[in-house]
Protein backbone atom coordinates (compact mmCIF):
# COMPACT_ATOMS: atom_id res chain seq x y z
CA MET A 1 5.42 -3.71 20.30
CA ARG A 2 2.52 -5.81 21.57
CA ARG A 3 -0.98 -5.50 20.08
CA THR A 4 -4.04 -6.75 21.93
CA LEU A 5 -7.27 -6.70 19.96
CA VAL A 6 -10.26 -5.41 21.92
CA ASN A 7 -13.56 -6.64 20.48
CA PRO A 8 -16.52 -6.71 22.89
CA TRP A 9 -18.78 -7.67 19.95
CA SER A 10 -18.27 -9.17 16.50
CA TYR A 11 -19.49 -6.38 14.23
CA PRO A 12 -18.76 -4.57 11.97
CA GLU A 13 -16.72 -6.84 9.78
CA GLY A 14 -13.40 -5.61 8.47
CA LEU A 15 -12.16 -3.76 11.54
CA ASP A 16 -11.37 -4.27 15.18
CA GLN A 17 -13.17 -2.20 17.81
CA GLY A 18 -9.92 -1.35 19.54
CA ILE A 19 -6.23 -2.16 19.65
CA LEU A 20 -4.23 -1.84 22.85
CA ILE A 21 -0.65 -0.95 21.91
CA GLU A 22 2.07 -1.59 24.49
CA GLY A 23 5.83 -1.42 24.31
CA HIS A 24 6.01 0.75 21.19
CA ARG A 25 8.97 2.93 20.28
CA ARG A 26 7.48 5.41 17.82
CA LEU A 27 4.11 6.85 16.83
CA LEU A 28 3.47 8.25 13.36
CA PHE A 29 0.47 10.43 12.55
CA VAL A 30 -0.17 10.36 8.79
CA SER A 31 -1.93 13.39 7.40
CA GLY A 32 -5.00 12.83 5.23
CA GLN A 33 -3.91 11.20 1.97
CA CYS A 34 -5.92 11.41 -1.25
CA ALA A 35 -5.51 10.21 -4.82
CA VAL A 36 -2.86 12.78 -5.68
CA SER A 37 0.37 12.19 -7.61
CA ALA A 38 3.81 13.15 -6.29
CA GLU A 39 3.49 16.26 -8.45
CA GLY A 40 0.18 17.20 -6.79
CA GLU A 41 -2.14 16.22 -9.64
CA SER A 42 -5.52 14.70 -8.74
CA LEU A 43 -5.86 11.12 -10.03
CA TYR A 44 -8.77 8.97 -11.24
CA PRO A 45 -11.68 11.42 -11.36
CA ASN A 46 -15.06 9.80 -10.59
CA ASP A 47 -13.48 6.43 -9.65
CA ILE A 48 -13.70 5.95 -5.89
CA GLY A 49 -12.14 2.48 -6.09
CA ALA A 50 -9.03 3.69 -7.91
CA GLN A 51 -8.85 6.79 -5.72
CA THR A 52 -8.95 4.64 -2.59
CA GLU A 53 -6.10 2.47 -3.91
CA ALA A 54 -4.05 5.58 -4.76
CA ALA A 55 -4.74 7.16 -1.36
CA LEU A 56 -3.63 3.93 0.31
CA ASP A 57 -0.49 3.95 -1.87
CA ASN A 58 0.23 7.45 -0.54
CA VAL A 59 -0.30 6.30 3.06
CA ALA A 60 2.13 3.46 2.36
CA ALA A 61 4.68 5.92 0.93
CA VAL A 62 4.58 8.06 4.09
CA LEU A 63 4.90 4.94 6.25
CA GLU A 64 7.83 3.70 4.16
CA ARG A 65 9.63 7.04 4.54
CA ALA A 66 9.34 6.54 8.31
CA GLY A 67 10.65 2.96 8.11
CA MET A 68 7.21 1.38 8.52
CA ASP A 69 4.61 -0.34 6.34
CA LEU A 70 0.85 -0.88 6.29
CA GLY A 71 1.30 -3.46 9.05
CA ASN A 72 2.17 -0.67 11.48
CA ILE A 73 -1.24 1.02 11.17
CA VAL A 74 -3.14 1.06 14.45
CA ARG A 75 -6.00 3.39 13.41
CA MET A 76 -7.35 4.67 10.10
CA ASN A 77 -10.04 7.24 9.47
CA THR A 78 -11.73 7.26 6.08
CA TYR A 79 -13.57 10.28 4.73
CA VAL A 80 -15.66 9.84 1.57
CA THR A 81 -18.06 11.97 -0.42
CA ASP A 82 -20.34 8.96 -1.12
CA VAL A 83 -20.56 6.24 1.52
CA ASP A 84 -22.63 3.89 -0.67
CA ALA A 85 -20.16 4.15 -3.56
CA PHE A 86 -17.30 3.46 -1.14
CA PHE A 87 -18.97 0.25 0.08
CA ASP A 88 -19.84 -0.78 -3.49
CA HIS A 89 -16.44 -0.08 -5.11
CA ALA A 90 -13.67 0.41 -2.54
CA ALA A 91 -14.22 -0.91 0.99
CA GLU A 92 -13.51 -4.56 0.19
CA ARG A 93 -10.40 -3.70 -1.82
CA MET A 94 -9.03 -1.60 1.03
CA SER A 95 -9.84 -4.26 3.64
CA GLU A 96 -8.14 -6.98 1.58
CA ARG A 97 -5.02 -4.90 1.17
CA LEU A 98 -4.80 -4.15 4.89
CA GLU A 99 -5.61 -7.73 5.89
CA ALA A 100 -2.60 -8.85 3.81
CA PHE A 101 -0.59 -7.09 6.55
CA ASP A 102 -2.80 -8.62 9.28
CA VAL A 103 -4.30 -5.20 10.00
CA ARG A 104 -7.97 -4.44 10.72
CA PRO A 105 -7.57 -0.96 12.18
CA PRO A 106 -10.26 0.68 14.25
CA GLY A 107 -11.29 4.04 12.90
CA VAL A 108 -14.02 6.16 11.42
CA LEU A 109 -15.84 6.07 8.10
CA ALA A 110 -17.46 9.45 7.58
CA GLY A 111 -19.46 10.80 4.69
CA VAL A 112 -18.53 14.41 3.99
CA VAL A 113 -19.93 17.05 1.67
CA ARG A 114 -16.60 17.46 -0.10
CA LEU A 115 -12.86 17.17 0.35
CA GLY A 116 -10.10 19.72 -0.31
CA ARG A 117 -10.61 19.47 -4.06
CA PRO A 118 -14.03 18.81 -5.59
CA GLU A 119 -12.74 15.94 -7.78
CA LEU A 120 -11.42 13.98 -4.78
CA LEU A 121 -13.76 11.32 -3.39
CA VAL A 122 -11.78 9.73 -0.53
CA GLU A 123 -9.22 10.77 2.07
CA LEU A 124 -7.38 8.41 4.44
CA GLU A 125 -5.86 9.48 7.74
CA ALA A 126 -3.67 6.91 9.50
CA PHE A 127 -1.93 6.42 12.83
CA ALA A 128 0.96 3.95 13.04
CA ALA A 129 3.22 2.57 15.76
CA ASP A 130 6.24 0.29 16.04
């Protein structure tokens, strides 16, 4: 698979504006992942940083089951109930973790009124290719 970064301008930091993917074999669409345990219990109430880490762990688990890892992500959408809290407590942690796999996926950051459960603060939706 060949990735070509498409960046007509240099902002915002932490993501690429586009990624042209050529020569891939498989595409994986990862459903929205939240800070939920394997048993379905919500984790880390009121801690958007810890919830973001747990949601990213769940994305990684889905990728692993498909024979991929975080380095295969080509797009990620992030839905949060508090955009300011996300920037203050989670965005840098998530960016660092993805950059360890040389990934700066284009995507969306959207503030939403609430997620599927009122105690959940962040949901990550990913698209991966290999």
